[in-house]
Amino acid sequence: MSLQAEFEAAQADSKNLPERPDNLTLLKIYGLFKQATVGDVTGTRPGFTDLVARAKYDAWAELKGQSKEAAMREYIALIAELKD
């Protein structure tokens, strides 16, 4: 199975996890997904009044410089770990 196919399968699996992950894990999932699909973070950091958007931006920004393939592998591994 190709890396892209494994990533797409992990995306589908992420919607059917046995329990909802905590917020920090959800932010990590979000950041890895964005890094794998878009690449490095773009745009300006949201202001302090939009806490959710700011947390998402920060989670994605932490992965700046990581390759899309590495982010895909990490995403796949994290989802597999959460499934068990």
C-alpha atoms as a PDB file:
ATOM      1  CA  MET A   1       0.000   0.000   0.000  1.00  0.00           C
ATOM      2  CA  SER A   2       1.376   3.417  -0.909  1.00  0.00           C
ATOM      3  CA  LEU A   3       1.990   6.111   1.682  1.00  0.00           C
ATOM      4  CA  GLN A   4      -0.842   8.209   0.218  1.00  0.00           C
ATOM      5  CA  ALA A   5      -3.252   5.262   0.437  1.00  0.00           C
ATOM      6  CA  GLU A   6      -2.218   4.571   4.053  1.00  0.00           C
ATOM      7  CA  PHE A   7      -2.715   8.263   4.860  1.00  0.00           C
ATOM      8  CA  GLU A   8      -6.196   8.258   3.334  1.00  0.00           C
ATOM      9  CA  ALA A   9      -7.076   5.097   5.291  1.00  0.00           C
ATOM     10  CA  ALA A  10      -5.848   6.767   8.498  1.00  0.00           C
ATOM     11  CA  GLN A  11      -8.032   9.799   7.691  1.00  0.00           C
ATOM     12  CA  ALA A  12     -11.056   7.524   7.460  1.00  0.00           C
ATOM     13  CA  ASP A  13     -10.044   5.733  10.671  1.00  0.00           C
ATOM     14  CA  SER A  14      -9.698   9.059  12.495  1.00  0.00           C
ATOM     15  CA  LYS A  15     -13.447   9.571  12.175  1.00  0.00           C
ATOM     16  CA  ASN A  16     -14.187   6.240  13.900  1.00  0.00           C
ATOM     17  CA  LEU A  17     -11.886   6.203  16.914  1.00  0.00           C
ATOM     18  CA  PRO A  18     -13.135   4.268  19.962  1.00  0.00           C
ATOM     19  CA  GLU A  19     -13.076   7.445  22.064  1.00  0.00           C
ATOM     20  CA  ARG A  20     -12.580  11.154  21.459  1.00  0.00           C
ATOM     21  CA  PRO A  21      -8.925  12.153  21.956  1.00  0.00           C
ATOM     22  CA  ASP A  22      -8.023  14.935  24.380  1.00  0.00           C
ATOM     23  CA  ASN A  23      -7.581  18.470  23.037  1.00  0.00           C
ATOM     24  CA  LEU A  24      -3.775  18.306  22.826  1.00  0.00           C
ATOM     25  CA  THR A  25      -3.970  15.125  20.778  1.00  0.00           C
ATOM     26  CA  LEU A  26      -6.632  16.653  18.533  1.00  0.00           C
ATOM     27  CA  LEU A  27      -4.335  19.628  17.928  1.00  0.00           C
ATOM     28  CA  LYS A  28      -1.461  17.270  17.071  1.00  0.00           C
ATOM     29  CA  ILE A  29      -3.731  15.403  14.622  1.00  0.00           C
ATOM     30  CA  TYR A  30      -4.759  18.725  13.071  1.00  0.00           C
ATOM     31  CA  GLY A  31      -1.175  19.979  12.760  1.00  0.00           C
ATOM     32  CA  LEU A  32       0.055  16.740  11.200  1.00  0.00           C
ATOM     33  CA  PHE A  33      -2.862  16.674   8.775  1.00  0.00           C
ATOM     34  CA  LYS A  34      -2.238  20.251   7.640  1.00  0.00           C
ATOM     35  CA  GLN A  35       1.523  19.687   7.333  1.00  0.00           C
ATOM     36  CA  ALA A  36       0.924  16.506   5.306  1.00  0.00           C
ATOM     37  CA  THR A  37      -1.637  18.062   2.964  1.00  0.00           C
ATOM     38  CA  VAL A  38      -0.580  21.724   2.674  1.00  0.00           C
ATOM     39  CA  GLY A  39       3.017  21.949   3.891  1.00  0.00           C
ATOM     40  CA  ASP A  40       4.428  24.690   6.107  1.00  0.00           C
ATOM     41  CA  VAL A  41       2.034  27.004   7.883  1.00  0.00           C
ATOM     42  CA  THR A  42       0.914  30.092   5.998  1.00  0.00           C
ATOM     43  CA  GLY A  43      -0.774  33.340   6.939  1.00  0.00           C
ATOM     44  CA  THR A  44      -0.547  35.333  10.121  1.00  0.00           C
ATOM     45  CA  ARG A  45      -1.084  34.011  13.608  1.00  0.00           C
ATOM     46  CA  PRO A  46      -4.647  34.707  14.803  1.00  0.00           C
ATOM     47  CA  GLY A  47      -5.105  37.201  17.612  1.00  0.00           C
ATOM     48  CA  PHE A  48      -5.494  36.277  21.269  1.00  0.00           C
ATOM     49  CA  THR A  49      -9.277  36.688  21.062  1.00  0.00           C
ATOM     50  CA  ASP A  50      -9.628  33.647  18.780  1.00  0.00           C
ATOM     51  CA  LEU A  51      -8.189  30.970  21.038  1.00  0.00           C
ATOM     52  CA  VAL A  52      -9.203  27.968  18.932  1.00  0.00           C
ATOM     53  CA  ALA A  53      -7.756  29.309  15.671  1.00  0.00           C
ATOM     54  CA  ARG A  54      -4.617  30.402  17.506  1.00  0.00           C
ATOM     55  CA  ALA A  55      -4.130  26.928  19.052  1.00  0.00           C
ATOM     56  CA  LYS A  56      -4.610  25.281  15.639  1.00  0.00           C
ATOM     57  CA  TYR A  57      -2.156  27.697  14.018  1.00  0.00           C
ATOM     58  CA  ASP A  58       0.429  27.030  16.754  1.00  0.00           C
ATOM     59  CA  ALA A  59       0.019  23.244  16.450  1.00  0.00           C
ATOM     60  CA  TRP A  60       0.640  23.486  12.714  1.00  0.00           C
ATOM     61  CA  ALA A  61       3.505  25.990  13.087  1.00  0.00           C
ATOM     62  CA  GLU A  62       5.363  23.586  15.412  1.00  0.00           C
ATOM     63  CA  LEU A  63       5.814  21.257  12.437  1.00  0.00           C
ATOM     64  CA  LYS A  64       7.326  23.880  10.133  1.00  0.00           C
ATOM     65  CA  GLY A  65      10.101  22.382   8.034  1.00  0.00           C
ATOM     66  CA  GLN A  66       8.873  18.795   8.353  1.00  0.00           C
ATOM     67  CA  SER A  67       8.341  17.071   5.013  1.00  0.00           C
ATOM     68  CA  LYS A  68       4.851  16.137   3.900  1.00  0.00           C
ATOM     69  CA  GLU A  69       5.885  12.469   3.825  1.00  0.00           C
ATOM     70  CA  ALA A  70       7.215  12.555   7.396  1.00  0.00           C
ATOM     71  CA  ALA A  71       4.017  14.243   8.572  1.00  0.00           C
ATOM     72  CA  MET A  72       1.961  11.566   6.812  1.00  0.00           C
ATOM     73  CA  ARG A  73       3.926   8.791   8.512  1.00  0.00           C
ATOM     74  CA  GLU A  74       3.555  10.435  11.923  1.00  0.00           C
ATOM     75  CA  TYR A  75      -0.182  10.981  11.337  1.00  0.00           C
ATOM     76  CA  ILE A  76      -0.661   7.327  10.332  1.00  0.00           C
ATOM     77  CA  ALA A  77       1.233   6.132  13.425  1.00  0.00           C
ATOM     78  CA  LEU A  78      -0.741   8.418  15.767  1.00  0.00           C
ATOM     79  CA  ILE A  79      -4.119   7.314  14.398  1.00  0.00           C
ATOM     80  CA  ALA A  80      -3.053   3.637  14.606  1.00  0.00           C
ATOM     81  CA  GLU A  81      -2.051   4.184  18.246  1.00  0.00           C
ATOM     82  CA  LEU A  82      -5.403   5.825  19.046  1.00  0.00           C
ATOM     83  CA  LYS A  83      -7.331   2.982  17.392  1.00  0.00           C
ATOM     84  CA  ASP A  84      -5.877   0.379  19.772  1.00  0.00           C
END
